[in-house]
């Protein structure tokens, strides 16, 4: 989460999950996921715009994208993201 502009394609490149936080961040979620999964989950905050329209995501929406590019979770709950990751990883 550096604040620099990137294309979605660049954010998704690699064998990791990508969590998009639209508009606002869930306090502590990025740190929590980093502590559990390290570089296997990358978190990016995006301002509403073309990407949020593409995902039908309003301010506060979280979209977790799997390494194969499919959406795993679309929610407003950081716990739902963590629960999904825990379910598939056993962590």
PDB file of N, CA and C in Angstrom:
ATOM      1  N   UNK A   1       0.839  -1.175   0.000  1.00  0.00           N
ATOM      2  CA  UNK A   1       0.000   0.000   0.000  1.00  0.00           C
ATOM      3  C   UNK A   1       0.884   1.239   0.000  1.00  0.00           C
ATOM      4  N   UNK A   2       1.379   1.580  -1.169  1.00  0.00           N
ATOM      5  CA  UNK A   2       2.327   2.673  -1.248  1.00  0.00           C
ATOM      6  C   UNK A   2       1.723   3.992  -1.688  1.00  0.00           C
ATOM      7  N   UNK A   3       0.504   3.987  -2.246  1.00  0.00           N
ATOM      8  CA  UNK A   3      -0.103   5.212  -2.723  1.00  0.00           C
ATOM      9  C   UNK A   3       0.226   5.522  -4.164  1.00  0.00           C
ATOM     10  N   UNK A   4       1.076   4.741  -4.801  1.00  0.00           N
ATOM     11  CA  UNK A   4       1.401   4.984  -6.198  1.00  0.00           C
ATOM     12  C   UNK A   4       0.368   4.314  -7.099  1.00  0.00           C
ATOM     13  N   UNK A   5       0.235   4.837  -8.331  1.00  0.00           N
ATOM     14  CA  UNK A   5      -0.732   4.283  -9.262  1.00  0.00           C
ATOM     15  C   UNK A   5      -0.194   3.007  -9.895  1.00  0.00           C
ATOM     16  N   UNK A   6      -1.084   2.029 -10.045  1.00  0.00           N
ATOM     17  CA  UNK A   6      -0.756   0.772 -10.695  1.00  0.00           C
ATOM     18  C   UNK A   6      -1.973   0.300 -11.462  1.00  0.00           C
ATOM     19  N   UNK A   7      -1.729  -0.571 -12.414  1.00  0.00           N
ATOM     20  CA  UNK A   7      -2.833  -1.223 -13.103  1.00  0.00           C
ATOM     21  C   UNK A   7      -3.224  -2.455 -12.289  1.00  0.00           C
ATOM     22  N   UNK A   8      -4.499  -2.827 -12.341  1.00  0.00           N
ATOM     23  CA  UNK A   8      -4.936  -4.023 -11.623  1.00  0.00           C
ATOM     24  C   UNK A   8      -4.127  -5.233 -12.054  1.00  0.00           C
ATOM     25  N   UNK A   9      -3.837  -5.341 -13.327  1.00  0.00           N
ATOM     26  CA  UNK A   9      -3.048  -6.456 -13.833  1.00  0.00           C
ATOM     27  C   UNK A   9      -1.733  -6.586 -13.065  1.00  0.00           C
ATOM     28  N   UNK A  10      -1.097  -5.462 -12.802  1.00  0.00           N
ATOM     29  CA  UNK A  10       0.180  -5.483 -12.076  1.00  0.00           C
ATOM     30  C   UNK A  10      -0.006  -5.906 -10.622  1.00  0.00           C
ATOM     31  N   UNK A  11      -1.125  -5.512 -10.004  1.00  0.00           N
ATOM     32  CA  UNK A  11      -1.374  -5.888  -8.611  1.00  0.00           C
ATOM     33  C   UNK A  11      -1.622  -7.384  -8.474  1.00  0.00           C
ATOM     34  N   UNK A  12      -2.240  -7.980  -9.496  1.00  0.00           N
ATOM     35  CA  UNK A  12      -2.586  -9.396  -9.448  1.00  0.00           C
ATOM     36  C   UNK A  12      -1.440 -10.319  -9.857  1.00  0.00           C
ATOM     37  N   UNK A  13      -0.437  -9.796 -10.527  1.00  0.00           N
ATOM     38  CA  UNK A  13       0.643 -10.628 -11.067  1.00  0.00           C
ATOM     39  C   UNK A  13       1.380 -11.356  -9.944  1.00  0.00           C
ATOM     40  N   UNK A  14       1.431 -12.677 -10.049  1.00  0.00           N
ATOM     41  CA  UNK A  14       2.169 -13.481  -9.081  1.00  0.00           C
ATOM     42  C   UNK A  14       1.280 -14.507  -8.410  1.00  0.00           C
ATOM     43  N   UNK A  15       1.892 -15.387  -7.646  1.00  0.00           N
ATOM     44  CA  UNK A  15       1.157 -16.503  -7.022  1.00  0.00           C
ATOM     45  C   UNK A  15       0.613 -16.164  -5.634  1.00  0.00           C
ATOM     46  N   UNK A  16      -0.090 -15.056  -5.522  1.00  0.00           N
ATOM     47  CA  UNK A  16      -0.590 -14.612  -4.223  1.00  0.00           C
ATOM     48  C   UNK A  16      -2.056 -14.192  -4.329  1.00  0.00           C
ATOM     49  N   UNK A  17      -2.719 -14.133  -3.198  1.00  0.00           N
ATOM     50  CA  UNK A  17      -4.050 -13.544  -3.112  1.00  0.00           C
ATOM     51  C   UNK A  17      -3.880 -12.035  -3.089  1.00  0.00           C
ATOM     52  N   UNK A  18      -4.846 -11.323  -3.636  1.00  0.00           N
ATOM     53  CA  UNK A  18      -4.836  -9.865  -3.632  1.00  0.00           C
ATOM     54  C   UNK A  18      -6.120  -9.378  -2.990  1.00  0.00           C
ATOM     55  N   UNK A  19      -5.987  -8.593  -1.942  1.00  0.00           N
ATOM     56  CA  UNK A  19      -7.148  -8.008  -1.285  1.00  0.00           C
ATOM     57  C   UNK A  19      -7.231  -6.538  -1.674  1.00  0.00           C
ATOM     58  N   UNK A  20      -8.340  -6.179  -2.294  1.00  0.00           N
ATOM     59  CA  UNK A  20      -8.595  -4.788  -2.662  1.00  0.00           C
ATOM     60  C   UNK A  20      -9.545  -4.196  -1.634  1.00  0.00           C
ATOM     61  N   UNK A  21      -9.124  -3.100  -1.021  1.00  0.00           N
ATOM     62  CA  UNK A  21      -9.969  -2.368  -0.068  1.00  0.00           C
ATOM     63  C   UNK A  21     -10.377  -1.073  -0.765  1.00  0.00           C
ATOM     64  N   UNK A  22     -11.664  -0.909  -1.009  1.00  0.00           N
ATOM     65  CA  UNK A  22     -12.122   0.256  -1.750  1.00  0.00           C
ATOM     66  C   UNK A  22     -12.515   1.389  -0.823  1.00  0.00           C
ATOM     67  N   UNK A  23     -11.821   2.509  -0.975  1.00  0.00           N
ATOM     68  CA  UNK A  23     -12.159   3.734  -0.257  1.00  0.00           C
ATOM     69  C   UNK A  23     -11.582   3.848   1.127  1.00  0.00           C
ATOM     70  N   UNK A  24     -11.844   2.888   1.971  1.00  0.00           N
ATOM     71  CA  UNK A  24     -11.362   2.942   3.345  1.00  0.00           C
ATOM     72  C   UNK A  24     -10.700   1.618   3.698  1.00  0.00           C
ATOM     73  N   UNK A  25      -9.834   1.671   4.673  1.00  0.00           N
ATOM     74  CA  UNK A  25      -9.158   0.462   5.134  1.00  0.00           C
ATOM     75  C   UNK A  25      -9.862  -0.076   6.373  1.00  0.00           C
ATOM     76  N   UNK A  26      -9.883  -1.373   6.492  1.00  0.00           N
ATOM     77  CA  UNK A  26     -10.349  -1.990   7.725  1.00  0.00           C
ATOM     78  C   UNK A  26      -9.178  -1.918   8.700  1.00  0.00           C
ATOM     79  N   UNK A  27      -9.321  -1.202   9.811  1.00  0.00           N
ATOM     80  CA  UNK A  27      -8.204  -1.028  10.736  1.00  0.00           C
ATOM     81  C   UNK A  27      -7.591  -2.370  11.166  1.00  0.00           C
ATOM     82  N   UNK A  28      -6.289  -2.483  10.984  1.00  0.00           N
ATOM     83  CA  UNK A  28      -5.546  -3.648  11.438  1.00  0.00           C
ATOM     84  C   UNK A  28      -5.619  -4.874  10.549  1.00  0.00           C
ATOM     85  N   UNK A  29      -6.474  -4.853   9.515  1.00  0.00           N
ATOM     86  CA  UNK A  29      -6.633  -6.059   8.685  1.00  0.00           C
ATOM     87  C   UNK A  29      -5.368  -6.389   7.909  1.00  0.00           C
ATOM     88  N   UNK A  30      -4.743  -5.413   7.283  1.00  0.00           N
ATOM     89  CA  UNK A  30      -3.527  -5.675   6.503  1.00  0.00           C
ATOM     90  C   UNK A  30      -2.432  -6.258   7.391  1.00  0.00           C
ATOM     91  N   UNK A  31      -2.275  -5.715   8.570  1.00  0.00           N
ATOM     92  CA  UNK A  31      -1.252  -6.202   9.494  1.00  0.00           C
ATOM     93  C   UNK A  31      -1.573  -7.621   9.968  1.00  0.00           C
ATOM     94  N   UNK A  32      -2.854  -7.861  10.246  1.00  0.00           N
ATOM     95  CA  UNK A  32      -3.295  -9.193  10.680  1.00  0.00           C
ATOM     96  C   UNK A  32      -3.008 -10.241   9.612  1.00  0.00           C
ATOM     97  N   UNK A  33      -3.357  -9.930   8.360  1.00  0.00           N
ATOM     98  CA  UNK A  33      -3.127 -10.873   7.270  1.00  0.00           C
ATOM     99  C   UNK A  33      -1.643 -11.061   7.002  1.00  0.00           C
ATOM    100  N   UNK A  34      -0.875  -9.974   7.114  1.00  0.00           N
ATOM    101  CA  UNK A  34       0.571 -10.079   6.916  1.00  0.00           C
ATOM    102  C   UNK A  34       1.193 -10.982   7.968  1.00  0.00           C
ATOM    103  N   UNK A  35       0.745 -10.854   9.199  1.00  0.00           N
ATOM    104  CA  UNK A  35       1.272 -11.688  10.272  1.00  0.00           C
ATOM    105  C   UNK A  35       0.962 -13.163  10.082  1.00  0.00           C
ATOM    106  N   UNK A  36      -0.183 -13.456   9.499  1.00  0.00           N
ATOM    107  CA  UNK A  36      -0.579 -14.853   9.290  1.00  0.00           C
ATOM    108  C   UNK A  36      -0.070 -15.445   7.985  1.00  0.00           C
ATOM    109  N   UNK A  37      -0.065 -14.637   6.909  1.00  0.00           N
ATOM    110  CA  UNK A  37       0.195 -15.189   5.579  1.00  0.00           C
ATOM    111  C   UNK A  37       1.381 -14.563   4.850  1.00  0.00           C
ATOM    112  N   UNK A  38       1.958 -13.524   5.425  1.00  0.00           N
ATOM    113  CA  UNK A  38       3.112 -12.885   4.797  1.00  0.00           C
ATOM    114  C   UNK A  38       2.794 -12.424   3.383  1.00  0.00           C
ATOM    115  N   UNK A  39       3.680 -12.725   2.462  1.00  0.00           N
ATOM    116  CA  UNK A  39       3.556 -12.268   1.077  1.00  0.00           C
ATOM    117  C   UNK A  39       2.525 -13.070   0.277  1.00  0.00           C
ATOM    118  N   UNK A  40       1.891 -14.061   0.892  1.00  0.00           N
ATOM    119  CA  UNK A  40       0.869 -14.850   0.189  1.00  0.00           C
ATOM    120  C   UNK A  40      -0.436 -14.079   0.011  1.00  0.00           C
ATOM    121  N   UNK A  41      -0.595 -12.975   0.763  1.00  0.00           N
ATOM    122  CA  UNK A  41      -1.765 -12.102   0.629  1.00  0.00           C
ATOM    123  C   UNK A  41      -1.247 -10.672   0.570  1.00  0.00           C
ATOM    124  N   UNK A  42      -1.539  -9.999  -0.521  1.00  0.00           N
ATOM    125  CA  UNK A  42      -1.131  -8.601  -0.672  1.00  0.00           C
ATOM    126  C   UNK A  42      -2.371  -7.712  -0.626  1.00  0.00           C
ATOM    127  N   UNK A  43      -2.271  -6.644   0.137  1.00  0.00           N
ATOM    128  CA  UNK A  43      -3.414  -5.772   0.387  1.00  0.00           C
ATOM    129  C   UNK A  43      -3.167  -4.416  -0.267  1.00  0.00           C
ATOM    130  N   UNK A  44      -4.189  -3.928  -0.974  1.00  0.00           N
ATOM    131  CA  UNK A  44      -4.106  -2.630  -1.641  1.00  0.00           C
ATOM    132  C   UNK A  44      -5.383  -1.854  -1.373  1.00  0.00           C
ATOM    133  N   UNK A  45      -5.219  -0.577  -1.047  1.00  0.00           N
ATOM    134  CA  UNK A  45      -6.379   0.306  -0.902  1.00  0.00           C
ATOM    135  C   UNK A  45      -6.528   1.102  -2.182  1.00  0.00           C
ATOM    136  N   UNK A  46      -7.733   1.079  -2.733  1.00  0.00           N
ATOM    137  CA  UNK A  46      -8.015   1.792  -3.975  1.00  0.00           C
ATOM    138  C   UNK A  46      -9.123   2.798  -3.744  1.00  0.00           C
ATOM    139  N   UNK A  47      -9.001   3.929  -4.387  1.00  0.00           N
ATOM    140  CA  UNK A  47     -10.070   4.919  -4.344  1.00  0.00           C
ATOM    141  C   UNK A  47     -11.180   4.469  -5.289  1.00  0.00           C
ATOM    142  N   UNK A  48     -12.417   4.823  -4.972  1.00  0.00           N
ATOM    143  CA  UNK A  48     -13.506   4.496  -5.885  1.00  0.00           C
ATOM    144  C   UNK A  48     -13.216   5.059  -7.275  1.00  0.00           C
ATOM    145  N   UNK A  49     -13.550   4.292  -8.280  1.00  0.00           N
ATOM    146  CA  UNK A  49     -13.300   4.678  -9.671  1.00  0.00           C
ATOM    147  C   UNK A  49     -13.568   3.501 -10.579  1.00  0.00           C
ATOM    148  N   UNK A  50     -12.818   3.392 -11.675  1.00  0.00           N
ATOM    149  CA  UNK A  50     -13.058   2.312 -12.629  1.00  0.00           C
ATOM    150  C   UNK A  50     -12.981   0.918 -12.010  1.00  0.00           C
ATOM    151  N   UNK A  51     -12.022   0.680 -11.141  1.00  0.00           N
ATOM    152  CA  UNK A  51     -11.894  -0.649 -10.532  1.00  0.00           C
ATOM    153  C   UNK A  51     -13.075  -0.962  -9.627  1.00  0.00           C
ATOM    154  N   UNK A  52     -13.520   0.014  -8.856  1.00  0.00           N
ATOM    155  CA  UNK A  52     -14.657  -0.244  -7.971  1.00  0.00           C
ATOM    156  C   UNK A  52     -15.930  -0.491  -8.781  1.00  0.00           C
ATOM    157  N   UNK A  53     -16.076   0.206  -9.893  1.00  0.00           N
ATOM    158  CA  UNK A  53     -17.244  -0.039 -10.754  1.00  0.00           C
ATOM    159  C   UNK A  53     -17.166  -1.436 -11.362  1.00  0.00           C
ATOM    160  N   UNK A  54     -15.979  -1.852 -11.741  1.00  0.00           N
ATOM    161  CA  UNK A  54     -15.797  -3.183 -12.334  1.00  0.00           C
ATOM    162  C   UNK A  54     -16.247  -4.282 -11.369  1.00  0.00           C
ATOM    163  N   UNK A  55     -15.968  -4.101 -10.089  1.00  0.00           N
ATOM    164  CA  UNK A  55     -16.305  -5.103  -9.086  1.00  0.00           C
ATOM    165  C   UNK A  55     -17.627  -4.802  -8.373  1.00  0.00           C
ATOM    166  N   UNK A  56     -18.316  -3.742  -8.778  1.00  0.00           N
ATOM    167  CA  UNK A  56     -19.557  -3.376  -8.103  1.00  0.00           C
ATOM    168  C   UNK A  56     -19.321  -3.092  -6.634  1.00  0.00           C
ATOM    169  N   UNK A  57     -18.199  -2.453  -6.358  1.00  0.00           N
ATOM    170  CA  UNK A  57     -17.742  -2.262  -4.979  1.00  0.00           C
ATOM    171  C   UNK A  57     -17.865  -0.806  -4.559  1.00  0.00           C
ATOM    172  N   UNK A  58     -18.672  -0.563  -3.549  1.00  0.00           N
ATOM    173  CA  UNK A  58     -18.769   0.767  -2.985  1.00  0.00           C
ATOM    174  C   UNK A  58     -17.693   0.991  -1.937  1.00  0.00           C
ATOM    175  N   UNK A  59     -17.689   2.177  -1.386  1.00  0.00           N
ATOM    176  CA  UNK A  59     -16.733   2.517  -0.331  1.00  0.00           C
ATOM    177  C   UNK A  59     -16.883   1.525   0.823  1.00  0.00           C
ATOM    178  N   UNK A  60     -15.759   0.967   1.257  1.00  0.00           N
ATOM    179  CA  UNK A  60     -15.773   0.014   2.360  1.00  0.00           C
ATOM    180  C   UNK A  60     -15.859  -1.445   1.922  1.00  0.00           C
ATOM    181  N   UNK A  61     -15.976  -1.682   0.622  1.00  0.00           N
ATOM    182  CA  UNK A  61     -16.054  -3.059   0.130  1.00  0.00           C
ATOM    183  C   UNK A  61     -14.665  -3.667   0.036  1.00  0.00           C
ATOM    184  N   UNK A  62     -14.575  -4.924   0.402  1.00  0.00           N
ATOM    185  CA  UNK A  62     -13.338  -5.700   0.286  1.00  0.00           C
ATOM    186  C   UNK A  62     -13.548  -6.755  -0.782  1.00  0.00           C
ATOM    187  N   UNK A  63     -12.576  -6.890  -1.685  1.00  0.00           N
ATOM    188  CA  UNK A  63     -12.633  -7.917  -2.720  1.00  0.00           C
ATOM    189  C   UNK A  63     -11.337  -8.708  -2.648  1.00  0.00           C
ATOM    190  N   UNK A  64     -11.460  -9.997  -2.318  1.00  0.00           N
ATOM    191  CA  UNK A  64     -10.303 -10.879  -2.267  1.00  0.00           C
ATOM    192  C   UNK A  64     -10.253 -11.653  -3.573  1.00  0.00           C
ATOM    193  N   UNK A  65      -9.146 -11.494  -4.309  1.00  0.00           N
ATOM    194  CA  UNK A  65      -8.964 -12.142  -5.596  1.00  0.00           C
ATOM    195  C   UNK A  65      -7.941 -13.267  -5.442  1.00  0.00           C
ATOM    196  N   UNK A  66      -8.325 -14.442  -5.908  1.00  0.00           N
ATOM    197  CA  UNK A  66      -7.442 -15.610  -5.824  1.00  0.00           C
ATOM    198  C   UNK A  66      -6.271 -15.463  -6.790  1.00  0.00           C
ATOM    199  N   UNK A  67      -5.223 -16.255  -6.614  1.00  0.00           N
ATOM    200  CA  UNK A  67      -4.085 -16.188  -7.530  1.00  0.00           C
ATOM    201  C   UNK A  67      -4.448 -16.475  -8.991  1.00  0.00           C
ATOM    202  N   UNK A  68      -5.524 -17.219  -9.229  1.00  0.00           N
ATOM    203  CA  UNK A  68      -5.937 -17.508 -10.608  1.00  0.00           C
ATOM    204  C   UNK A  68      -6.830 -16.421 -11.202  1.00  0.00           C
ATOM    205  N   UNK A  69      -7.048 -15.338 -10.452  1.00  0.00           N
ATOM    206  CA  UNK A  69      -7.794 -14.197 -10.957  1.00  0.00           C
ATOM    207  C   UNK A  69      -9.273 -14.196 -10.646  1.00  0.00           C
ATOM    208  N   UNK A  70      -9.780 -15.259 -10.059  1.00  0.00           N
ATOM    209  CA  UNK A  70     -11.196 -15.311  -9.705  1.00  0.00           C
ATOM    210  C   UNK A  70     -11.436 -14.634  -8.356  1.00  0.00           C
ATOM    211  N   UNK A  71     -12.611 -14.032  -8.207  1.00  0.00           N
ATOM    212  CA  UNK A  71     -12.979 -13.411  -6.945  1.00  0.00           C
ATOM    213  C   UNK A  71     -13.348 -14.509  -5.948  1.00  0.00           C
ATOM    214  N   UNK A  72     -12.698 -14.493  -4.805  1.00  0.00           N
ATOM    215  CA  UNK A  72     -12.966 -15.466  -3.745  1.00  0.00           C
ATOM    216  C   UNK A  72     -14.024 -14.942  -2.785  1.00  0.00           C
ATOM    217  N   UNK A  73     -13.907 -13.663  -2.410  1.00  0.00           N
ATOM    218  CA  UNK A  73     -14.810 -13.062  -1.435  1.00  0.00           C
ATOM    219  C   UNK A  73     -15.044 -11.608  -1.819  1.00  0.00           C
ATOM    220  N   UNK A  74     -16.301 -11.189  -1.737  1.00  0.00           N
ATOM    221  CA  UNK A  74     -16.661  -9.775  -1.886  1.00  0.00           C
ATOM    222  C   UNK A  74     -17.548  -9.458  -0.689  1.00  0.00           C
ATOM    223  N   UNK A  75     -17.073  -8.564   0.173  1.00  0.00           N
ATOM    224  CA  UNK A  75     -17.732  -8.353   1.459  1.00  0.00           C
ATOM    225  C   UNK A  75     -17.397  -6.973   2.005  1.00  0.00           C
ATOM    226  N   UNK A  76     -17.969  -6.636   3.122  1.00  0.00           N
ATOM    227  CA  UNK A  76     -17.592  -5.438   3.878  1.00  0.00           C
ATOM    228  C   UNK A  76     -16.968  -5.833   5.216  1.00  0.00           C
ATOM    229  N   UNK A  77     -16.742  -7.127   5.398  1.00  0.00           N
ATOM    230  CA  UNK A  77     -16.250  -7.654   6.669  1.00  0.00           C
ATOM    231  C   UNK A  77     -14.835  -8.210   6.552  1.00  0.00           C
ATOM    232  N   UNK A  78     -13.928  -7.622   7.315  1.00  0.00           N
ATOM    233  CA  UNK A  78     -12.572  -8.167   7.368  1.00  0.00           C
ATOM    234  C   UNK A  78     -12.558  -9.579   7.929  1.00  0.00           C
ATOM    235  N   UNK A  79     -13.492  -9.874   8.839  1.00  0.00           N
ATOM    236  CA  UNK A  79     -13.570 -11.224   9.403  1.00  0.00           C
ATOM    237  C   UNK A  79     -13.938 -12.248   8.337  1.00  0.00           C
ATOM    238  N   UNK A  80     -14.797 -11.879   7.380  1.00  0.00           N
ATOM    239  CA  UNK A  80     -15.171 -12.811   6.307  1.00  0.00           C
ATOM    240  C   UNK A  80     -13.964 -13.159   5.449  1.00  0.00           C
ATOM    241  N   UNK A  81     -13.113 -12.170   5.200  1.00  0.00           N
ATOM    242  CA  UNK A  81     -11.885 -12.424   4.434  1.00  0.00           C
ATOM    243  C   UNK A  81     -10.976 -13.356   5.224  1.00  0.00           C
ATOM    244  N   UNK A  82     -10.764 -13.049   6.488  1.00  0.00           N
ATOM    245  CA  UNK A  82      -9.893 -13.874   7.335  1.00  0.00           C
ATOM    246  C   UNK A  82     -10.443 -15.297   7.466  1.00  0.00           C
ATOM    247  N   UNK A  83     -11.765 -15.437   7.605  1.00  0.00           N
ATOM    248  CA  UNK A  83     -12.378 -16.761   7.712  1.00  0.00           C
ATOM    249  C   UNK A  83     -12.156 -17.578   6.446  1.00  0.00           C
ATOM    250  N   UNK A  84     -12.322 -16.952   5.283  1.00  0.00           N
ATOM    251  CA  UNK A  84     -12.091 -17.664   4.021  1.00  0.00           C
ATOM    252  C   UNK A  84     -10.653 -18.158   3.938  1.00  0.00           C
ATOM    253  N   UNK A  85      -9.711 -17.257   4.219  1.00  0.00           N
ATOM    254  CA  UNK A  85      -8.296 -17.636   4.138  1.00  0.00           C
ATOM    255  C   UNK A  85      -7.950 -18.731   5.135  1.00  0.00           C
ATOM    256  N   UNK A  86      -8.510 -18.646   6.314  1.00  0.00           N
ATOM    257  CA  UNK A  86      -8.269 -19.683   7.346  1.00  0.00           C
ATOM    258  C   UNK A  86      -8.828 -21.023   6.871  1.00  0.00           C
ATOM    259  N   UNK A  87     -10.002 -21.011   6.263  1.00  0.00           N
ATOM    260  CA  UNK A  87     -10.636 -22.237   5.787  1.00  0.00           C
ATOM    261  C   UNK A  87      -9.793 -22.944   4.729  1.00  0.00           C
ATOM    262  N   UNK A  88      -9.241 -22.177   3.794  1.00  0.00           N
ATOM    263  CA  UNK A  88      -8.488 -22.833   2.726  1.00  0.00           C
ATOM    264  C   UNK A  88      -7.043 -23.136   3.095  1.00  0.00           C
ATOM    265  N   UNK A  89      -6.514 -22.452   4.112  1.00  0.00           N
ATOM    266  CA  UNK A  89      -5.102 -22.642   4.448  1.00  0.00           C
ATOM    267  C   UNK A  89      -4.887 -23.472   5.713  1.00  0.00           C
ATOM    268  N   UNK A  90      -5.896 -23.524   6.565  1.00  0.00           N
ATOM    269  CA  UNK A  90      -5.740 -24.234   7.830  1.00  0.00           C
ATOM    270  C   UNK A  90      -4.993 -23.429   8.874  1.00  0.00           C
ATOM    271  N   UNK A  91      -4.686 -22.150   8.593  1.00  0.00           N
ATOM    272  CA  UNK A  91      -3.958 -21.290   9.536  1.00  0.00           C
ATOM    273  C   UNK A  91      -4.942 -20.569  10.419  1.00  0.00           C
TER     274      UNK A  91
END
